[in-house]
Amino acid sequence: MRKPVFIGIAGGTGSGKSTFTNRLKEAFGDRVSVVYYDNYYRCRDDLPFEERKKINYDHPDAFETDLLIKHIRALKDGQEVECPVYDYTVHNRSGKTILIRPADVILVEGIMVLQNEELRKLLDIKVYVEADADERILRRVIRDVKERGRDIEGIAKQYLTTVKPMHYLYVEPTRAMADIVINSGLNDVAFDLVRSKITLLLMQQQ
């Protein structure tokens, strides 16, 4: 069996990671599976809603990274995995799961994808997507209001108290660990380079 090609796509909130991920999904179609790091936020059934709202979700400890690594290794060995599903409206896992099947190309997307050394070693290509801070916060506001049921005051408070400082402490330093840094999810030259590299790796593994 051909070994999958694993691509990590990291970068700050609102940087364009999802855009770049979706372009690769479209390029390789059914040959792609996607694992979203955000779904691996820890289950916090032990805390009431008001306490869950106070958690620093931009710190590495907020994620169950050990489970993600276990699932990545299983996919690497050709096994299916049941990925948890996170519900942002309640700040907790939903109790549902998504079946992730092995594929030729597996994309792993999230702000902390390059932060953990053990996880980095499982990736064949490491991509960091960056954007200006003002662009990132505007995109986050629009996303959190439309998709996650948040209010502007809550978004601003979270951004200033955890998102911004944690970005400079844990996310931005991983830029130096990427194989390629791109300034936009819509950067056609960078996209063509990554797509060509993936195609080459797939040919080599036939």
N, C-alpha and C. Protein backbone atom coordinates (compact mmCIF):
# COMPACT_ATOMS: atom_id res chain seq x y z
N MET A 1 0.83 -1.19 0.00
CA MET A 1 0.00 0.00 0.00
C MET A 1 0.87 1.25 0.00
N ARG A 2 0.49 2.22 -0.83
CA ARG A 2 1.23 3.47 -0.89
C ARG A 2 1.08 4.23 0.42
N LYS A 3 2.17 4.77 0.93
CA LYS A 3 2.13 5.58 2.14
C LYS A 3 1.55 6.95 1.80
N PRO A 4 0.68 7.47 2.65
CA PRO A 4 0.12 8.81 2.39
C PRO A 4 1.20 9.88 2.49
N VAL A 5 0.97 10.98 1.80
CA VAL A 5 1.79 12.18 1.95
C VAL A 5 1.09 13.09 2.95
N PHE A 6 1.77 13.43 4.02
CA PHE A 6 1.18 14.27 5.06
C PHE A 6 1.68 15.70 4.93
N ILE A 7 0.73 16.64 4.84
CA ILE A 7 1.07 18.06 4.72
C ILE A 7 0.48 18.80 5.91
N GLY A 8 1.34 19.47 6.68
CA GLY A 8 0.88 20.31 7.77
C GLY A 8 0.70 21.74 7.30
N ILE A 9 -0.45 22.34 7.63
CA ILE A 9 -0.73 23.71 7.23
C ILE A 9 -1.02 24.52 8.49
N ALA A 10 -0.06 25.36 8.87
CA ALA A 10 -0.14 26.13 10.11
C ALA A 10 -0.21 27.62 9.81
N GLY A 11 -0.32 28.41 10.88
CA GLY A 11 -0.39 29.86 10.73
C GLY A 11 -1.38 30.43 11.72
N GLY A 12 -1.34 31.72 11.91
CA GLY A 12 -2.21 32.37 12.88
C GLY A 12 -3.67 32.32 12.50
N THR A 13 -4.51 32.64 13.47
CA THR A 13 -5.95 32.69 13.22
C THR A 13 -6.25 33.70 12.11
N GLY A 14 -7.07 33.29 11.14
CA GLY A 14 -7.44 34.18 10.05
C GLY A 14 -6.37 34.43 9.02
N SER A 15 -5.34 33.60 9.00
CA SER A 15 -4.21 33.85 8.09
C SER A 15 -4.47 33.36 6.67
N GLY A 16 -5.41 32.45 6.50
CA GLY A 16 -5.68 31.89 5.17
C GLY A 16 -5.41 30.40 5.08
N LYS A 17 -5.24 29.74 6.23
CA LYS A 17 -4.98 28.29 6.25
C LYS A 17 -6.09 27.51 5.57
N SER A 18 -7.33 27.84 5.92
CA SER A 18 -8.46 27.11 5.37
C SER A 18 -8.58 27.29 3.87
N THR A 19 -8.29 28.51 3.40
CA THR A 19 -8.32 28.77 1.96
C THR A 19 -7.31 27.89 1.23
N PHE A 20 -6.09 27.83 1.76
CA PHE A 20 -5.05 27.03 1.13
C PHE A 20 -5.40 25.55 1.20
N THR A 21 -5.92 25.13 2.33
CA THR A 21 -6.34 23.73 2.50
C THR A 21 -7.42 23.36 1.48
N ASN A 22 -8.40 24.22 1.32
CA ASN A 22 -9.50 23.95 0.40
C ASN A 22 -9.02 23.89 -1.05
N ARG A 23 -8.03 24.70 -1.39
CA ARG A 23 -7.49 24.68 -2.75
C ARG A 23 -6.80 23.34 -3.03
N LEU A 24 -6.07 22.83 -2.04
CA LEU A 24 -5.43 21.53 -2.21
C LEU A 24 -6.47 20.42 -2.28
N LYS A 25 -7.53 20.54 -1.50
CA LYS A 25 -8.62 19.54 -1.56
C LYS A 25 -9.21 19.50 -2.95
N GLU A 26 -9.43 20.67 -3.54
CA GLU A 26 -10.00 20.73 -4.88
C GLU A 26 -9.03 20.18 -5.92
N ALA A 27 -7.75 20.42 -5.72
CA ALA A 27 -6.75 19.98 -6.70
C ALA A 27 -6.61 18.47 -6.75
N PHE A 28 -6.71 17.82 -5.60
CA PHE A 28 -6.47 16.37 -5.55
C PHE A 28 -7.75 15.56 -5.31
N GLY A 29 -8.87 16.22 -5.12
CA GLY A 29 -10.16 15.56 -5.07
C GLY A 29 -10.25 14.44 -4.05
N ASP A 30 -10.71 13.28 -4.50
CA ASP A 30 -10.94 12.13 -3.61
C ASP A 30 -9.65 11.55 -3.05
N ARG A 31 -8.52 12.03 -3.52
CA ARG A 31 -7.23 11.51 -3.02
C ARG A 31 -6.82 12.20 -1.72
N VAL A 32 -7.67 13.12 -1.24
CA VAL A 32 -7.34 13.92 -0.06
C VAL A 32 -8.27 13.63 1.11
N SER A 33 -7.69 13.53 2.31
CA SER A 33 -8.43 13.57 3.56
C SER A 33 -7.87 14.72 4.38
N VAL A 34 -8.72 15.34 5.20
CA VAL A 34 -8.29 16.48 6.01
C VAL A 34 -8.55 16.21 7.48
N VAL A 35 -7.55 16.50 8.29
CA VAL A 35 -7.68 16.41 9.74
C VAL A 35 -7.52 17.84 10.28
N TYR A 36 -8.54 18.31 10.99
CA TYR A 36 -8.51 19.66 11.54
C TYR A 36 -8.10 19.61 13.01
N TYR A 37 -6.99 20.26 13.31
CA TYR A 37 -6.45 20.26 14.68
C TYR A 37 -7.47 20.82 15.68
N ASP A 38 -8.29 21.78 15.25
CA ASP A 38 -9.29 22.38 16.14
C ASP A 38 -10.25 21.35 16.73
N ASN A 39 -10.48 20.27 16.02
CA ASN A 39 -11.38 19.24 16.54
C ASN A 39 -10.78 18.49 17.73
N TYR A 40 -9.51 18.72 17.97
CA TYR A 40 -8.83 18.02 19.07
C TYR A 40 -8.69 18.90 20.32
N TYR A 41 -9.48 19.97 20.40
CA TYR A 41 -9.58 20.66 21.68
C TYR A 41 -10.09 19.64 22.71
N ARG A 42 -9.57 19.73 23.91
CA ARG A 42 -9.89 18.74 24.94
C ARG A 42 -11.38 18.76 25.29
N CYS A 43 -11.89 17.58 25.63
CA CYS A 43 -13.25 17.46 26.15
C CYS A 43 -13.25 18.02 27.57
N ARG A 44 -14.13 18.97 27.85
CA ARG A 44 -14.19 19.58 29.18
C ARG A 44 -15.57 19.43 29.79
N ASP A 45 -16.06 18.21 29.81
CA ASP A 45 -17.34 17.93 30.45
C ASP A 45 -17.29 18.18 31.95
N ASP A 46 -16.07 18.28 32.49
CA ASP A 46 -15.90 18.49 33.93
C ASP A 46 -16.16 19.92 34.35
N LEU A 47 -16.29 20.83 33.37
CA LEU A 47 -16.47 22.24 33.69
C LEU A 47 -17.80 22.77 33.18
N PRO A 48 -18.46 23.65 33.94
CA PRO A 48 -19.68 24.29 33.44
C PRO A 48 -19.36 25.27 32.32
N PHE A 49 -20.38 25.67 31.58
CA PHE A 49 -20.19 26.53 30.41
C PHE A 49 -19.44 27.81 30.73
N GLU A 50 -19.79 28.48 31.82
CA GLU A 50 -19.15 29.75 32.16
C GLU A 50 -17.66 29.58 32.43
N GLU A 51 -17.26 28.42 32.97
CA GLU A 51 -15.85 28.16 33.22
C GLU A 51 -15.13 27.79 31.92
N ARG A 52 -15.82 27.08 31.05
CA ARG A 52 -15.22 26.71 29.76
C ARG A 52 -14.93 27.95 28.92
N LYS A 53 -15.74 28.99 29.06
CA LYS A 53 -15.54 30.24 28.32
C LYS A 53 -14.23 30.92 28.70
N LYS A 54 -13.73 30.64 29.89
CA LYS A 54 -12.53 31.30 30.40
C LYS A 54 -11.23 30.59 30.02
N ILE A 55 -11.34 29.40 29.44
CA ILE A 55 -10.14 28.62 29.10
C ILE A 55 -9.33 29.34 28.02
N ASN A 56 -8.02 29.25 28.13
CA ASN A 56 -7.13 29.80 27.10
C ASN A 56 -7.03 28.77 25.97
N TYR A 57 -7.81 28.98 24.92
CA TYR A 57 -7.86 28.02 23.81
C TYR A 57 -6.73 28.21 22.81
N ASP A 58 -5.85 29.16 23.07
CA ASP A 58 -4.73 29.40 22.17
C ASP A 58 -3.41 28.96 22.78
N HIS A 59 -3.50 28.14 23.82
CA HIS A 59 -2.32 27.55 24.46
C HIS A 59 -2.22 26.08 24.05
N PRO A 60 -1.03 25.53 23.85
CA PRO A 60 -0.89 24.13 23.45
C PRO A 60 -1.61 23.15 24.36
N ASP A 61 -1.72 23.47 25.64
CA ASP A 61 -2.37 22.56 26.59
C ASP A 61 -3.87 22.43 26.35
N ALA A 62 -4.45 23.33 25.56
CA ALA A 62 -5.88 23.25 25.28
C ALA A 62 -6.22 22.11 24.33
N PHE A 63 -5.20 21.57 23.66
CA PHE A 63 -5.40 20.51 22.67
C PHE A 63 -5.01 19.14 23.22
N GLU A 64 -5.73 18.13 22.78
CA GLU A 64 -5.35 16.74 23.09
C GLU A 64 -4.45 16.26 21.95
N THR A 65 -3.23 16.76 21.94
CA THR A 65 -2.31 16.50 20.85
C THR A 65 -1.90 15.03 20.79
N ASP A 66 -1.83 14.37 21.93
CA ASP A 66 -1.47 12.95 21.95
C ASP A 66 -2.46 12.13 21.13
N LEU A 67 -3.74 12.47 21.22
CA LEU A 67 -4.76 11.75 20.44
C LEU A 67 -4.60 12.04 18.96
N LEU A 68 -4.30 13.29 18.61
CA LEU A 68 -4.08 13.63 17.21
C LEU A 68 -2.90 12.84 16.65
N ILE A 69 -1.80 12.79 17.38
CA ILE A 69 -0.62 12.05 16.93
C ILE A 69 -0.95 10.57 16.76
N LYS A 70 -1.72 10.01 17.68
CA LYS A 70 -2.15 8.61 17.58
C LYS A 70 -2.94 8.39 16.30
N HIS A 71 -3.84 9.32 15.99
CA HIS A 71 -4.66 9.19 14.78
C HIS A 71 -3.83 9.36 13.51
N ILE A 72 -2.87 10.28 13.53
CA ILE A 72 -2.00 10.47 12.36
C ILE A 72 -1.21 9.20 12.09
N ARG A 73 -0.69 8.59 13.12
CA ARG A 73 0.07 7.35 12.96
C ARG A 73 -0.81 6.22 12.44
N ALA A 74 -2.05 6.16 12.91
CA ALA A 74 -2.98 5.14 12.42
C ALA A 74 -3.26 5.34 10.93
N LEU A 75 -3.49 6.59 10.51
CA LEU A 75 -3.71 6.88 9.10
C LEU A 75 -2.48 6.54 8.27
N LYS A 76 -1.32 6.79 8.84
CA LYS A 76 -0.07 6.46 8.14
C LYS A 76 0.04 4.96 7.90
N ASP A 77 -0.55 4.17 8.82
CA ASP A 77 -0.53 2.71 8.71
C ASP A 77 -1.72 2.17 7.94
N GLY A 78 -2.52 3.06 7.35
CA GLY A 78 -3.65 2.62 6.52
C GLY A 78 -4.92 2.32 7.29
N GLN A 79 -5.05 2.82 8.50
CA GLN A 79 -6.23 2.56 9.32
C GLN A 79 -7.16 3.77 9.34
N GLU A 80 -8.45 3.51 9.42
CA GLU A 80 -9.43 4.57 9.59
C GLU A 80 -9.42 5.06 11.04
N VAL A 81 -9.80 6.32 11.26
CA VAL A 81 -9.88 6.84 12.62
C VAL A 81 -11.19 7.60 12.80
N GLU A 82 -11.66 7.62 14.03
CA GLU A 82 -12.86 8.39 14.39
C GLU A 82 -12.40 9.69 15.03
N CYS A 83 -12.48 10.76 14.27
CA CYS A 83 -12.02 12.06 14.72
C CYS A 83 -13.12 12.75 15.54
N PRO A 84 -12.77 13.33 16.69
CA PRO A 84 -13.79 14.06 17.46
C PRO A 84 -14.26 15.29 16.71
N VAL A 85 -15.39 15.81 17.12
CA VAL A 85 -15.96 17.02 16.51
C VAL A 85 -16.15 18.05 17.62
N TYR A 86 -15.60 19.25 17.41
CA TYR A 86 -15.69 20.29 18.43
C TYR A 86 -16.82 21.25 18.12
N ASP A 87 -17.57 21.63 19.16
CA ASP A 87 -18.68 22.56 19.02
C ASP A 87 -18.28 23.89 19.67
N TYR A 88 -18.00 24.90 18.84
CA TYR A 88 -17.52 26.19 19.35
C TYR A 88 -18.59 26.94 20.13
N THR A 89 -19.85 26.66 19.85
CA THR A 89 -20.92 27.40 20.53
C THR A 89 -21.03 27.03 22.00
N VAL A 90 -20.55 25.84 22.37
CA VAL A 90 -20.62 25.41 23.78
C VAL A 90 -19.23 25.22 24.38
N HIS A 91 -18.19 25.53 23.60
CA HIS A 91 -16.80 25.39 24.07
C HIS A 91 -16.52 23.98 24.57
N ASN A 92 -16.91 22.99 23.78
CA ASN A 92 -16.69 21.60 24.20
C ASN A 92 -16.89 20.68 23.00
N ARG A 93 -16.43 19.45 23.14
CA ARG A 93 -16.68 18.46 22.09
C ARG A 93 -18.16 18.16 22.01
N SER A 94 -18.60 17.87 20.81
CA SER A 94 -20.03 17.67 20.58
C SER A 94 -20.51 16.28 20.94
N GLY A 95 -19.60 15.33 21.05
CA GLY A 95 -20.00 13.94 21.27
C GLY A 95 -20.09 13.16 19.96
N LYS A 96 -20.08 13.88 18.83
CA LYS A 96 -20.09 13.25 17.52
C LYS A 96 -18.65 12.99 17.06
N THR A 97 -18.51 12.15 16.06
CA THR A 97 -17.20 11.90 15.46
C THR A 97 -17.31 11.92 13.94
N ILE A 98 -16.17 12.12 13.29
CA ILE A 98 -16.10 12.06 11.83
C ILE A 98 -15.14 10.94 11.45
N LEU A 99 -15.56 10.08 10.53
CA LEU A 99 -14.69 9.00 10.07
C LEU A 99 -13.69 9.57 9.06
N ILE A 100 -12.41 9.45 9.39
CA ILE A 100 -11.35 9.88 8.48
C ILE A 100 -10.70 8.63 7.89
N ARG A 101 -10.74 8.55 6.56
CA ARG A 101 -10.17 7.38 5.89
C ARG A 101 -8.77 7.68 5.38
N PRO A 102 -7.92 6.67 5.31
CA PRO A 102 -6.59 6.86 4.71
C PRO A 102 -6.74 7.34 3.27
N ALA A 103 -5.82 8.18 2.83
CA ALA A 103 -5.86 8.73 1.47
C ALA A 103 -4.44 8.95 1.00
N ASP A 104 -4.29 9.20 -0.29
CA ASP A 104 -2.96 9.48 -0.83
C ASP A 104 -2.36 10.73 -0.20
N VAL A 105 -3.22 11.73 0.04
CA VAL A 105 -2.77 13.00 0.62
C VAL A 105 -3.61 13.28 1.86
N ILE A 106 -2.94 13.54 2.98
CA ILE A 106 -3.66 13.89 4.21
C ILE A 106 -3.17 15.24 4.69
N LEU A 107 -4.09 16.19 4.74
CA LEU A 107 -3.80 17.54 5.18
C LEU A 107 -4.12 17.66 6.67
N VAL A 108 -3.19 18.24 7.42
CA VAL A 108 -3.40 18.48 8.85
C VAL A 108 -3.33 19.98 9.05
N GLU A 109 -4.47 20.58 9.39
CA GLU A 109 -4.55 22.04 9.45
C GLU A 109 -4.85 22.56 10.85
N GLY A 110 -4.15 23.62 11.26
CA GLY A 110 -4.42 24.23 12.55
C GLY A 110 -3.31 25.15 12.99
N ILE A 111 -3.60 26.04 13.94
CA ILE A 111 -2.62 27.04 14.35
C ILE A 111 -1.39 26.40 14.99
N MET A 112 -1.57 25.24 15.66
CA MET A 112 -0.48 24.64 16.43
C MET A 112 0.17 23.44 15.73
N VAL A 113 -0.11 23.25 14.46
CA VAL A 113 0.36 22.05 13.76
C VAL A 113 1.88 21.90 13.80
N LEU A 114 2.60 22.99 13.78
CA LEU A 114 4.06 22.91 13.77
C LEU A 114 4.68 23.14 15.15
N GLN A 115 3.85 23.28 16.17
CA GLN A 115 4.36 23.61 17.50
C GLN A 115 4.93 22.39 18.23
N ASN A 116 4.33 21.22 17.99
CA ASN A 116 4.73 20.00 18.68
C ASN A 116 5.77 19.23 17.85
N GLU A 117 6.92 18.96 18.43
CA GLU A 117 8.01 18.32 17.69
C GLU A 117 7.62 16.93 17.18
N GLU A 118 6.95 16.15 18.03
CA GLU A 118 6.56 14.79 17.64
C GLU A 118 5.61 14.81 16.45
N LEU A 119 4.70 15.77 16.45
CA LEU A 119 3.77 15.91 15.33
C LEU A 119 4.49 16.36 14.08
N ARG A 120 5.41 17.32 14.21
CA ARG A 120 6.16 17.81 13.04
C ARG A 120 6.88 16.68 12.32
N LYS A 121 7.43 15.74 13.09
CA LYS A 121 8.20 14.65 12.48
C LYS A 121 7.34 13.72 11.63
N LEU A 122 6.03 13.78 11.79
CA LEU A 122 5.13 12.93 11.01
C LEU A 122 4.72 13.58 9.69
N LEU A 123 5.14 14.82 9.48
CA LEU A 123 4.72 15.57 8.29
C LEU A 123 5.79 15.54 7.21
N ASP A 124 5.36 15.35 5.96
CA ASP A 124 6.29 15.35 4.82
C ASP A 124 6.55 16.76 4.31
N ILE A 125 5.53 17.61 4.38
CA ILE A 125 5.65 19.00 3.94
C ILE A 125 5.03 19.88 5.02
N LYS A 126 5.75 20.92 5.41
CA LYS A 126 5.26 21.82 6.47
C LYS A 126 5.09 23.22 5.88
N VAL A 127 3.86 23.72 5.91
CA VAL A 127 3.51 25.01 5.32
C VAL A 127 3.06 25.97 6.42
N TYR A 128 3.54 27.20 6.35
CA TYR A 128 3.09 28.24 7.28
C TYR A 128 2.47 29.36 6.45
N VAL A 129 1.22 29.69 6.77
CA VAL A 129 0.51 30.76 6.06
C VAL A 129 0.47 31.97 6.97
N GLU A 130 0.92 33.12 6.47
CA GLU A 130 0.93 34.31 7.30
C GLU A 130 0.15 35.44 6.64
N ALA A 131 -0.28 36.39 7.48
CA ALA A 131 -1.00 37.57 7.00
C ALA A 131 -0.82 38.67 8.04
N ASP A 132 -1.06 39.91 7.63
CA ASP A 132 -0.96 41.02 8.56
C ASP A 132 -1.95 40.83 9.71
N ALA A 133 -1.57 41.33 10.89
CA ALA A 133 -2.40 41.16 12.09
C ALA A 133 -3.80 41.77 11.92
N ASP A 134 -3.88 42.92 11.25
CA ASP A 134 -5.19 43.55 11.09
C ASP A 134 -6.09 42.72 10.18
N GLU A 135 -5.52 42.09 9.16
CA GLU A 135 -6.31 41.22 8.29
C GLU A 135 -6.80 40.01 9.06
N ARG A 136 -5.93 39.45 9.89
CA ARG A 136 -6.29 38.24 10.64
C ARG A 136 -7.42 38.49 11.63
N ILE A 137 -7.35 39.61 12.36
CA ILE A 137 -8.40 39.88 13.34
C ILE A 137 -9.73 40.17 12.66
N LEU A 138 -9.71 40.88 11.52
CA LEU A 138 -10.95 41.14 10.81
C LEU A 138 -11.60 39.85 10.32
N ARG A 139 -10.78 38.95 9.79
CA ARG A 139 -11.32 37.66 9.33
C ARG A 139 -11.87 36.86 10.50
N ARG A 140 -11.17 36.93 11.66
CA ARG A 140 -11.63 36.18 12.83
C ARG A 140 -12.98 36.72 13.32
N VAL A 141 -13.11 38.04 13.34
CA VAL A 141 -14.37 38.63 13.79
C VAL A 141 -15.52 38.16 12.91
N ILE A 142 -15.34 38.25 11.60
CA ILE A 142 -16.40 37.84 10.67
C ILE A 142 -16.73 36.36 10.86
N ARG A 143 -15.71 35.51 10.97
CA ARG A 143 -15.94 34.07 11.15
C ARG A 143 -16.65 33.76 12.45
N ASP A 144 -16.17 34.35 13.55
CA ASP A 144 -16.74 34.02 14.86
C ASP A 144 -18.17 34.50 15.01
N VAL A 145 -18.51 35.63 14.39
CA VAL A 145 -19.89 36.11 14.43
C VAL A 145 -20.80 35.25 13.58
N LYS A 146 -20.37 34.97 12.35
CA LYS A 146 -21.21 34.22 11.42
C LYS A 146 -21.31 32.73 11.73
N GLU A 147 -20.17 32.12 12.09
CA GLU A 147 -20.13 30.66 12.20
C GLU A 147 -20.16 30.13 13.64
N ARG A 148 -19.78 30.96 14.61
CA ARG A 148 -19.63 30.44 15.96
C ARG A 148 -20.51 31.13 16.99
N GLY A 149 -21.39 31.99 16.53
CA GLY A 149 -22.36 32.60 17.42
C GLY A 149 -21.78 33.49 18.49
N ARG A 150 -20.64 34.12 18.23
CA ARG A 150 -19.99 34.97 19.23
C ARG A 150 -20.41 36.43 19.05
N ASP A 151 -20.25 37.22 20.12
CA ASP A 151 -20.52 38.65 20.03
C ASP A 151 -19.20 39.42 19.94
N ILE A 152 -19.26 40.63 19.42
CA ILE A 152 -18.06 41.43 19.17
C ILE A 152 -17.26 41.67 20.45
N GLU A 153 -17.93 41.99 21.54
CA GLU A 153 -17.23 42.26 22.80
C GLU A 153 -16.45 41.04 23.27
N GLY A 154 -17.07 39.88 23.18
CA GLY A 154 -16.40 38.65 23.59
C GLY A 154 -15.22 38.32 22.71
N ILE A 155 -15.37 38.55 21.40
CA ILE A 155 -14.28 38.29 20.46
C ILE A 155 -13.09 39.20 20.75
N ALA A 156 -13.37 40.48 20.99
CA ALA A 156 -12.30 41.45 21.26
C ALA A 156 -11.56 41.10 22.55
N LYS A 157 -12.30 40.73 23.59
CA LYS A 157 -11.69 40.37 24.87
C LYS A 157 -10.79 39.15 24.72
N GLN A 158 -11.31 38.12 24.02
CA GLN A 158 -10.52 36.91 23.83
C GLN A 158 -9.27 37.19 23.01
N TYR A 159 -9.41 38.01 21.97
CA TYR A 159 -8.27 38.31 21.11
C TYR A 159 -7.15 39.01 21.89
N LEU A 160 -7.52 39.99 22.70
CA LEU A 160 -6.52 40.78 23.41
C LEU A 160 -5.89 40.02 24.58
N THR A 161 -6.66 39.15 25.23
CA THR A 161 -6.15 38.47 26.43
C THR A 161 -5.44 37.16 26.12
N THR A 162 -5.85 36.45 25.07
CA THR A 162 -5.22 35.15 24.80
C THR A 162 -4.73 34.98 23.36
N VAL A 163 -5.57 35.30 22.39
CA VAL A 163 -5.23 35.02 20.98
C VAL A 163 -3.96 35.75 20.57
N LYS A 164 -3.90 37.05 20.79
CA LYS A 164 -2.75 37.84 20.35
C LYS A 164 -1.47 37.45 21.08
N PRO A 165 -1.45 37.42 22.43
CA PRO A 165 -0.20 37.04 23.11
C PRO A 165 0.24 35.62 22.82
N MET A 166 -0.70 34.68 22.72
CA MET A 166 -0.34 33.29 22.45
C MET A 166 0.17 33.12 21.02
N HIS A 167 -0.32 33.96 20.10
CA HIS A 167 0.17 33.91 18.72
C HIS A 167 1.66 34.21 18.69
N TYR A 168 2.07 35.27 19.39
CA TYR A 168 3.48 35.65 19.37
C TYR A 168 4.34 34.69 20.18
N LEU A 169 3.74 34.01 21.15
CA LEU A 169 4.49 33.11 22.00
C LEU A 169 4.63 31.71 21.41
N TYR A 170 3.54 31.20 20.80
CA TYR A 170 3.53 29.80 20.37
C TYR A 170 3.36 29.57 18.87
N VAL A 171 2.66 30.47 18.18
CA VAL A 171 2.36 30.22 16.77
C VAL A 171 3.41 30.82 15.85
N GLU A 172 3.65 32.11 15.97
CA GLU A 172 4.60 32.76 15.06
C GLU A 172 6.00 32.14 15.07
N PRO A 173 6.52 31.68 16.23
CA PRO A 173 7.85 31.05 16.22
C PRO A 173 7.93 29.80 15.34
N THR A 174 6.78 29.15 15.08
CA THR A 174 6.82 27.94 14.25
C THR A 174 7.02 28.27 12.78
N ARG A 175 6.95 29.54 12.44
CA ARG A 175 7.24 29.95 11.06
C ARG A 175 8.60 29.46 10.62
N ALA A 176 9.57 29.49 11.55
CA ALA A 176 10.94 29.08 11.23
C ALA A 176 11.05 27.57 11.02
N MET A 177 10.03 26.82 11.39
CA MET A 177 10.07 25.36 11.26
C MET A 177 9.38 24.87 9.99
N ALA A 178 8.82 25.80 9.23
CA ALA A 178 8.11 25.43 8.00
C ALA A 178 9.07 25.23 6.84
N ASP A 179 8.68 24.36 5.92
CA ASP A 179 9.44 24.18 4.68
C ASP A 179 9.16 25.30 3.71
N ILE A 180 7.95 25.84 3.77
CA ILE A 180 7.57 26.94 2.89
C ILE A 180 6.65 27.89 3.64
N VAL A 181 6.90 29.18 3.50
CA VAL A 181 6.08 30.23 4.12
C VAL A 181 5.40 31.00 3.00
N ILE A 182 4.08 31.16 3.10
CA ILE A 182 3.36 31.88 2.06
C ILE A 182 2.59 33.04 2.70
N ASN A 183 2.39 34.09 1.93
CA ASN A 183 1.77 35.29 2.48
C ASN A 183 0.28 35.38 2.22
N SER A 184 -0.29 34.32 1.68
CA SER A 184 -1.73 34.32 1.42
C SER A 184 -2.16 32.92 0.98
N GLY A 185 -3.34 32.53 1.39
CA GLY A 185 -3.88 31.27 0.92
C GLY A 185 -4.20 31.29 -0.56
N LEU A 186 -4.19 32.49 -1.14
CA LEU A 186 -4.49 32.66 -2.57
C LEU A 186 -3.24 32.86 -3.41
N ASN A 187 -2.07 32.68 -2.82
CA ASN A 187 -0.80 32.85 -3.53
C ASN A 187 -0.65 31.71 -4.55
N ASP A 188 -0.81 32.03 -5.84
CA ASP A 188 -0.80 31.00 -6.88
C ASP A 188 0.56 30.34 -7.05
N VAL A 189 1.64 31.10 -6.94
CA VAL A 189 2.97 30.53 -7.11
C VAL A 189 3.25 29.51 -6.01
N ALA A 190 2.96 29.89 -4.76
CA ALA A 190 3.17 28.98 -3.64
C ALA A 190 2.29 27.74 -3.78
N PHE A 191 1.05 27.94 -4.20
CA PHE A 191 0.14 26.81 -4.38
C PHE A 191 0.68 25.85 -5.44
N ASP A 192 1.15 26.37 -6.55
CA ASP A 192 1.68 25.52 -7.62
C ASP A 192 2.91 24.75 -7.14
N LEU A 193 3.75 25.39 -6.34
CA LEU A 193 4.94 24.72 -5.82
C LEU A 193 4.56 23.55 -4.91
N VAL A 194 3.63 23.79 -4.00
CA VAL A 194 3.21 22.74 -3.07
C VAL A 194 2.50 21.61 -3.82
N ARG A 195 1.65 21.97 -4.76
CA ARG A 195 0.95 20.96 -5.54
C ARG A 195 1.94 20.10 -6.33
N SER A 196 2.95 20.73 -6.92
CA SER A 196 3.96 19.99 -7.68
C SER A 196 4.76 19.07 -6.78
N LYS A 197 5.11 19.55 -5.58
CA LYS A 197 5.86 18.72 -4.63
C LYS A 197 5.05 17.52 -4.18
N ILE A 198 3.77 17.72 -3.92
CA ILE A 198 2.90 16.61 -3.53
C ILE A 198 2.83 15.58 -4.65
N THR A 199 2.66 16.05 -5.87
CA THR A 199 2.59 15.14 -7.02
C THR A 199 3.88 14.35 -7.16
N LEU A 200 5.02 14.99 -6.97
CA LEU A 200 6.30 14.31 -7.04
C LEU A 200 6.42 13.24 -5.97
N LEU A 201 6.03 13.56 -4.74
CA LEU A 201 6.11 12.59 -3.65
C LEU A 201 5.20 11.38 -3.91
N LEU A 202 4.03 11.64 -4.47
CA LEU A 202 3.11 10.55 -4.78
C LEU A 202 3.71 9.63 -5.85
N MET A 203 4.35 10.22 -6.85
CA MET A 203 4.98 9.42 -7.89
C MET A 203 6.11 8.57 -7.32
N GLN A 204 6.87 9.14 -6.39
CA GLN A 204 8.00 8.42 -5.80
C GLN A 204 7.53 7.25 -4.94
N GLN A 205 6.32 7.35 -4.41
CA GLN A 205 5.83 6.32 -3.49
C GLN A 205 5.00 5.24 -4.20
N GLN A 206 4.86 5.36 -5.51
CA GLN A 206 4.13 4.34 -6.25
C GLN A 206 4.88 3.02 -6.27
